[in-house]
Amino acid sequence: MDVTVHTVVHGDVVVVQVAGEIDVYTAASLREKLADLIDADHTDVVVDLTGVTFMDSTGLGVLVGALKKVRGYGGRLQLVIDQEKVIKVFRITALTQVFTIHETLDAALAS
């Protein structure tokens, strides 16, 4: 299965909506979209992963890289995850300590 990546602007926040599987074969499209947004001075980013059915370590690497890049510009990157199978990957790798993770998009936008 492929991954789809769409962006929606909510005021100063750019929401990146991701659906499908993020793995070694599909992660490049997410990496490119995030890099393009950050390079275009969008430094308040919410990545909505509620449509993601699978994520491997390649996907985690993309998100960690984007987080480092956005923080380098003084910005922030938050995640929206509502599925146990996706959040579990973040717990196992202790990335719940690194990322701000919300269960809903509304919660992310309100923070």
Protein backbone atom coordinates (compact mmCIF):
# COMPACT_ATOMS: atom_id res chain seq x y z
CA MET A 1 0.00 0.00 0.00
CA ASP A 2 1.16 3.51 -0.73
CA VAL A 3 1.18 6.55 1.48
CA THR A 4 -0.68 9.78 0.78
CA VAL A 5 0.41 13.12 2.18
CA HIS A 6 -1.77 16.24 2.13
CA THR A 7 -1.34 19.60 3.81
CA VAL A 8 -3.96 21.90 5.28
CA VAL A 9 -3.21 25.33 6.75
CA HIS A 10 -4.87 26.29 10.05
CA GLY A 11 -3.73 29.85 10.75
CA ASP A 12 0.01 29.67 11.47
CA VAL A 13 -0.05 25.89 11.78
CA VAL A 14 0.44 23.53 8.85
CA VAL A 15 -1.23 20.16 9.28
CA VAL A 16 0.32 17.31 7.34
CA GLN A 17 -2.27 14.55 6.96
CA VAL A 18 -0.73 11.17 6.30
CA ALA A 19 -2.60 8.01 5.31
CA GLY A 20 -1.44 4.50 4.44
CA GLU A 21 1.80 2.74 5.28
CA ILE A 22 5.03 4.55 6.08
CA ASP A 23 7.92 2.22 5.37
CA VAL A 24 11.21 2.06 3.52
CA TYR A 25 9.36 2.22 0.18
CA THR A 26 7.03 5.14 0.93
CA ALA A 27 8.86 7.29 3.50
CA ALA A 28 10.58 9.45 0.88
CA SER A 29 7.35 11.22 -0.06
CA LEU A 30 6.71 12.17 3.57
CA ARG A 31 10.35 13.25 4.02
CA GLU A 32 10.18 15.48 0.94
CA LYS A 33 6.88 17.08 1.95
CA LEU A 34 8.10 17.87 5.46
CA ALA A 35 11.44 19.21 4.20
CA ASP A 36 9.70 21.43 1.63
CA LEU A 37 7.34 22.86 4.27
CA ILE A 38 10.11 23.57 6.76
CA ASP A 39 12.32 25.09 4.07
CA ALA A 40 9.39 27.36 3.15
CA ASP A 41 9.41 28.73 6.74
CA HIS A 42 6.50 26.65 8.02
CA THR A 43 7.90 25.90 11.45
CA ASP A 44 4.72 25.12 13.38
CA VAL A 45 3.80 21.70 12.02
CA VAL A 46 1.31 19.05 13.12
CA VAL A 47 1.69 15.63 11.51
CA ASP A 48 -1.66 13.84 11.65
CA LEU A 49 -0.95 10.11 11.63
CA THR A 50 -4.53 8.99 12.33
CA GLY A 51 -4.77 7.56 8.81
CA VAL A 52 -1.54 5.56 9.10
CA THR A 53 -2.01 1.80 9.22
CA PHE A 54 1.67 0.84 9.59
CA MET A 55 4.95 2.59 10.36
CA ASP A 56 8.43 1.10 10.51
CA SER A 57 11.74 2.54 11.68
CA THR A 58 12.19 4.40 8.39
CA GLY A 59 9.07 6.42 9.15
CA LEU A 60 10.33 7.14 12.65
CA GLY A 61 13.61 8.35 11.18
CA VAL A 62 11.78 10.74 8.85
CA LEU A 63 9.84 12.23 11.77
CA VAL A 64 12.94 12.54 13.99
CA GLY A 65 14.80 14.27 11.15
CA ALA A 66 11.93 16.70 10.60
CA LEU A 67 11.74 17.40 14.33
CA LYS A 68 15.45 18.24 14.47
CA LYS A 69 15.16 20.47 11.42
CA VAL A 70 12.11 22.37 12.65
CA ARG A 71 13.65 22.86 16.11
CA GLY A 72 16.74 24.28 14.41
CA TYR A 73 14.48 27.08 13.15
CA GLY A 74 12.95 27.55 16.59
CA GLY A 75 9.72 25.82 15.60
CA ARG A 76 7.79 22.81 16.78
CA LEU A 77 6.48 19.59 15.33
CA GLN A 78 3.62 17.76 17.02
CA LEU A 79 2.06 14.41 16.21
CA VAL A 80 -1.53 13.17 16.25
CA ILE A 81 -1.79 9.43 16.86
CA ASP A 82 -4.99 7.63 17.79
CA GLN A 83 -4.08 4.01 17.12
CA GLU A 84 -2.36 1.74 19.59
CA LYS A 85 -0.35 -0.08 16.90
CA VAL A 86 1.23 3.20 15.79
CA ILE A 87 1.84 4.71 19.24
CA LYS A 88 3.38 1.42 20.34
CA VAL A 89 6.34 1.99 17.99
CA PHE A 90 6.95 5.36 19.66
CA ARG A 91 6.72 3.81 23.14
CA ILE A 92 9.12 0.97 22.33
CA THR A 93 11.72 3.42 21.03
CA ALA A 94 11.08 5.93 23.86
CA LEU A 95 10.16 8.59 21.31
CA THR A 96 7.11 9.48 23.39
CA GLN A 97 9.69 11.35 25.50
CA VAL A 98 10.85 13.33 22.45
CA PHE A 99 7.64 14.15 20.56
CA THR A 100 4.54 15.99 21.70
CA ILE A 101 1.80 13.50 20.86
CA HIS A 102 -1.94 14.18 20.89
CA GLU A 103 -4.89 11.82 20.41
CA THR A 104 -6.88 14.30 18.30
CA LEU A 105 -6.13 17.02 15.78
CA ASP A 106 -8.24 19.48 17.79
CA ALA A 107 -6.03 18.89 20.84
CA ALA A 108 -2.89 19.51 18.78
CA LEU A 109 -4.28 22.71 17.28
CA ALA A 110 -5.37 23.96 20.72
CA SER A 111 -1.92 23.56 22.25
